[in-house]
Amino acid sequence: MPRFFFDIHDSVMRIDKVGLELGDVSDVRGEAMRALPSIAKDEIPKDGDKQVFTVFVRDEDSRPIYTATITFAGLWV
């Protein structure tokens, strides 16, 4: 199975050095979709009302193949 690496950026870049073995690229999208809300759930309460969380996925040759972003914006009215 191919290995994919999920680097996370949320004001700092965290490089995935282990990666995940996934069946194919369609599994990559699903993993990114599950990871972002989980990360946001833990990180949003720690910091302000404007936050962006991005996952950059690389293949085994470190070529970028997918990216996804989730944004949180809180506003007092």
N, C-alpha and C. Protein backbone atom coordinates (compact mmCIF):
# COMPACT_ATOMS: atom_id res chain seq x y z
N MET A 1 0.84 -1.19 0.00
CA MET A 1 0.00 0.00 0.00
C MET A 1 0.88 1.24 0.00
N PRO A 2 0.45 2.27 -0.71
CA PRO A 2 1.22 3.51 -0.71
C PRO A 2 1.09 4.27 0.62
N ARG A 3 2.11 5.02 0.95
CA ARG A 3 2.13 5.81 2.18
C ARG A 3 1.95 7.27 1.81
N PHE A 4 1.11 7.96 2.60
CA PHE A 4 0.83 9.37 2.39
C PHE A 4 1.13 10.12 3.69
N PHE A 5 1.60 11.35 3.55
CA PHE A 5 2.00 12.17 4.69
C PHE A 5 1.09 13.39 4.78
N PHE A 6 0.58 13.63 5.98
CA PHE A 6 -0.40 14.69 6.23
C PHE A 6 0.24 15.78 7.09
N ASP A 7 0.75 16.82 6.43
CA ASP A 7 1.35 17.95 7.15
C ASP A 7 0.23 18.91 7.54
N ILE A 8 0.29 19.40 8.77
CA ILE A 8 -0.75 20.28 9.29
C ILE A 8 -0.19 21.68 9.51
N HIS A 9 -0.94 22.68 9.04
CA HIS A 9 -0.56 24.07 9.28
C HIS A 9 -1.71 24.74 10.03
N ASP A 10 -1.40 25.24 11.22
CA ASP A 10 -2.37 25.99 12.02
C ASP A 10 -1.61 27.09 12.77
N SER A 11 -1.02 27.96 12.02
CA SER A 11 -0.12 29.05 12.45
C SER A 11 1.32 28.57 12.55
N VAL A 12 1.53 27.28 12.70
CA VAL A 12 2.86 26.66 12.58
C VAL A 12 2.70 25.42 11.71
N MET A 13 3.75 25.07 11.01
CA MET A 13 3.71 23.88 10.15
C MET A 13 4.21 22.68 10.94
N ARG A 14 3.39 21.64 10.99
CA ARG A 14 3.79 20.38 11.61
C ARG A 14 3.94 19.34 10.52
N ILE A 15 5.16 18.87 10.35
CA ILE A 15 5.48 17.92 9.28
C ILE A 15 5.23 16.49 9.77
N ASP A 16 4.48 15.76 8.99
CA ASP A 16 4.20 14.35 9.28
C ASP A 16 5.38 13.52 8.80
N LYS A 17 6.09 12.90 9.72
CA LYS A 17 7.26 12.09 9.36
C LYS A 17 6.94 10.60 9.30
N VAL A 18 5.74 10.22 9.76
CA VAL A 18 5.35 8.81 9.80
C VAL A 18 4.44 8.44 8.64
N GLY A 19 3.42 9.24 8.41
CA GLY A 19 2.48 8.98 7.33
C GLY A 19 1.51 7.86 7.63
N LEU A 20 0.63 7.61 6.67
CA LEU A 20 -0.38 6.55 6.77
C LEU A 20 -0.37 5.74 5.49
N GLU A 21 -0.51 4.47 5.62
CA GLU A 21 -0.69 3.61 4.45
C GLU A 21 -2.17 3.59 4.12
N LEU A 22 -2.49 3.99 2.91
CA LEU A 22 -3.88 4.04 2.47
C LEU A 22 -4.00 3.33 1.13
N GLY A 23 -5.18 2.83 0.85
CA GLY A 23 -5.40 2.06 -0.36
C GLY A 23 -5.17 2.83 -1.64
N ASP A 24 -5.71 4.05 -1.71
CA ASP A 24 -5.52 4.86 -2.92
C ASP A 24 -5.82 6.31 -2.60
N VAL A 25 -5.75 7.15 -3.62
CA VAL A 25 -5.90 8.59 -3.39
C VAL A 25 -7.30 8.98 -2.92
N SER A 26 -8.32 8.20 -3.22
CA SER A 26 -9.65 8.54 -2.72
C SER A 26 -9.71 8.44 -1.20
N ASP A 27 -8.89 7.56 -0.62
CA ASP A 27 -8.82 7.45 0.84
C ASP A 27 -8.12 8.67 1.45
N VAL A 28 -7.25 9.31 0.68
CA VAL A 28 -6.53 10.50 1.14
C VAL A 28 -7.52 11.61 1.47
N ARG A 29 -8.44 11.86 0.57
CA ARG A 29 -9.45 12.91 0.78
C ARG A 29 -10.27 12.63 2.05
N GLY A 30 -10.70 11.41 2.21
CA GLY A 30 -11.49 11.05 3.38
C GLY A 30 -10.71 11.25 4.67
N GLU A 31 -9.45 10.88 4.67
CA GLU A 31 -8.62 11.05 5.86
C GLU A 31 -8.44 12.53 6.19
N ALA A 32 -8.21 13.35 5.18
CA ALA A 32 -8.08 14.80 5.40
C ALA A 32 -9.38 15.39 5.94
N MET A 33 -10.50 14.92 5.42
CA MET A 33 -11.81 15.41 5.87
C MET A 33 -12.08 15.03 7.32
N ARG A 34 -11.60 13.90 7.76
CA ARG A 34 -11.78 13.48 9.15
C ARG A 34 -10.80 14.21 10.08
N ALA A 35 -9.59 14.44 9.58
CA ALA A 35 -8.54 15.04 10.42
C ALA A 35 -8.82 16.50 10.75
N LEU A 36 -9.24 17.28 9.77
CA LEU A 36 -9.39 18.71 10.00
C LEU A 36 -10.40 19.06 11.09
N PRO A 37 -11.62 18.53 11.08
CA PRO A 37 -12.55 18.86 12.16
C PRO A 37 -12.03 18.40 13.53
N SER A 38 -11.34 17.28 13.57
CA SER A 38 -10.79 16.80 14.83
C SER A 38 -9.73 17.76 15.38
N ILE A 39 -8.86 18.22 14.50
CA ILE A 39 -7.83 19.18 14.91
C ILE A 39 -8.48 20.49 15.36
N ALA A 40 -9.42 20.98 14.56
CA ALA A 40 -10.09 22.24 14.88
C ALA A 40 -10.82 22.15 16.23
N LYS A 41 -11.46 21.02 16.48
CA LYS A 41 -12.20 20.85 17.74
C LYS A 41 -11.29 21.03 18.95
N ASP A 42 -10.07 20.53 18.85
CA ASP A 42 -9.13 20.63 19.96
C ASP A 42 -8.45 21.99 20.03
N GLU A 43 -8.21 22.62 18.90
CA GLU A 43 -7.40 23.83 18.85
C GLU A 43 -8.19 25.13 18.94
N ILE A 44 -9.42 25.17 18.44
CA ILE A 44 -10.20 26.41 18.43
C ILE A 44 -10.36 27.01 19.84
N PRO A 45 -10.69 26.22 20.86
CA PRO A 45 -10.86 26.83 22.18
C PRO A 45 -9.58 27.44 22.76
N LYS A 46 -8.42 27.09 22.22
CA LYS A 46 -7.15 27.57 22.76
C LYS A 46 -6.76 28.95 22.27
N ASP A 47 -7.35 29.41 21.16
CA ASP A 47 -6.85 30.63 20.55
C ASP A 47 -7.97 31.37 19.85
N GLY A 48 -7.94 32.65 19.86
CA GLY A 48 -8.82 33.63 19.23
C GLY A 48 -9.94 33.20 18.31
N ASP A 49 -10.57 34.22 17.73
CA ASP A 49 -11.76 34.04 16.91
C ASP A 49 -11.48 33.90 15.43
N LYS A 50 -10.23 33.94 15.02
CA LYS A 50 -9.90 33.78 13.60
C LYS A 50 -8.79 32.75 13.48
N GLN A 51 -9.16 31.59 12.97
CA GLN A 51 -8.18 30.51 12.84
C GLN A 51 -8.39 29.75 11.53
N VAL A 52 -7.30 29.31 10.97
CA VAL A 52 -7.33 28.53 9.73
C VAL A 52 -6.49 27.28 9.94
N PHE A 53 -7.04 26.15 9.55
CA PHE A 53 -6.36 24.87 9.68
C PHE A 53 -6.27 24.25 8.28
N THR A 54 -5.07 23.90 7.87
CA THR A 54 -4.86 23.35 6.54
C THR A 54 -4.07 22.06 6.64
N VAL A 55 -4.46 21.09 5.84
CA VAL A 55 -3.70 19.85 5.72
C VAL A 55 -3.14 19.80 4.29
N PHE A 56 -1.86 19.52 4.21
CA PHE A 56 -1.17 19.33 2.94
C PHE A 56 -0.76 17.87 2.87
N VAL A 57 -1.20 17.17 1.86
CA VAL A 57 -0.90 15.74 1.74
C VAL A 57 0.18 15.55 0.68
N ARG A 58 1.19 14.74 1.04
CA ARG A 58 2.29 14.40 0.14
C ARG A 58 2.28 12.89 -0.09
N ASP A 59 2.75 12.49 -1.27
CA ASP A 59 2.90 11.06 -1.53
C ASP A 59 4.27 10.59 -1.05
N GLU A 60 4.59 9.35 -1.33
CA GLU A 60 5.85 8.76 -0.86
C GLU A 60 7.09 9.46 -1.41
N ASP A 61 6.94 10.16 -2.52
CA ASP A 61 8.05 10.90 -3.11
C ASP A 61 8.04 12.37 -2.70
N SER A 62 7.25 12.71 -1.68
CA SER A 62 7.09 14.08 -1.16
C SER A 62 6.45 15.04 -2.14
N ARG A 63 5.78 14.51 -3.15
CA ARG A 63 5.05 15.37 -4.08
C ARG A 63 3.69 15.73 -3.47
N PRO A 64 3.32 17.02 -3.47
CA PRO A 64 1.99 17.39 -2.97
C PRO A 64 0.91 16.82 -3.88
N ILE A 65 -0.12 16.23 -3.25
CA ILE A 65 -1.20 15.65 -4.07
C ILE A 65 -2.59 16.16 -3.67
N TYR A 66 -2.71 16.73 -2.47
CA TYR A 66 -4.04 17.17 -2.02
C TYR A 66 -3.86 18.18 -0.91
N THR A 67 -4.77 19.15 -0.83
CA THR A 67 -4.79 20.09 0.28
C THR A 67 -6.24 20.39 0.63
N ALA A 68 -6.49 20.64 1.90
CA ALA A 68 -7.83 20.98 2.36
C ALA A 68 -7.69 21.96 3.52
N THR A 69 -8.65 22.86 3.64
CA THR A 69 -8.61 23.90 4.67
C THR A 69 -9.96 24.02 5.33
N ILE A 70 -9.94 24.28 6.64
CA ILE A 70 -11.15 24.59 7.39
C ILE A 70 -10.87 25.90 8.15
N THR A 71 -11.84 26.79 8.16
CA THR A 71 -11.66 28.11 8.77
C THR A 71 -12.69 28.32 9.88
N PHE A 72 -12.22 28.94 10.96
CA PHE A 72 -13.12 29.33 12.05
C PHE A 72 -13.06 30.84 12.16
N ALA A 73 -14.22 31.47 12.18
CA ALA A 73 -14.30 32.92 12.37
C ALA A 73 -15.42 33.21 13.35
N GLY A 74 -15.04 33.72 14.52
CA GLY A 74 -16.02 34.12 15.53
C GLY A 74 -16.14 35.63 15.54
N LEU A 75 -17.34 36.15 15.76
CA LEU A 75 -17.56 37.58 15.72
C LEU A 75 -18.62 37.96 16.74
N TRP A 76 -18.26 38.87 17.64
CA TRP A 76 -19.25 39.38 18.59
C TRP A 76 -20.17 40.37 17.87
N VAL A 77 -21.47 40.25 18.09
CA VAL A 77 -22.42 41.18 17.47
C VAL A 77 -23.22 41.90 18.52
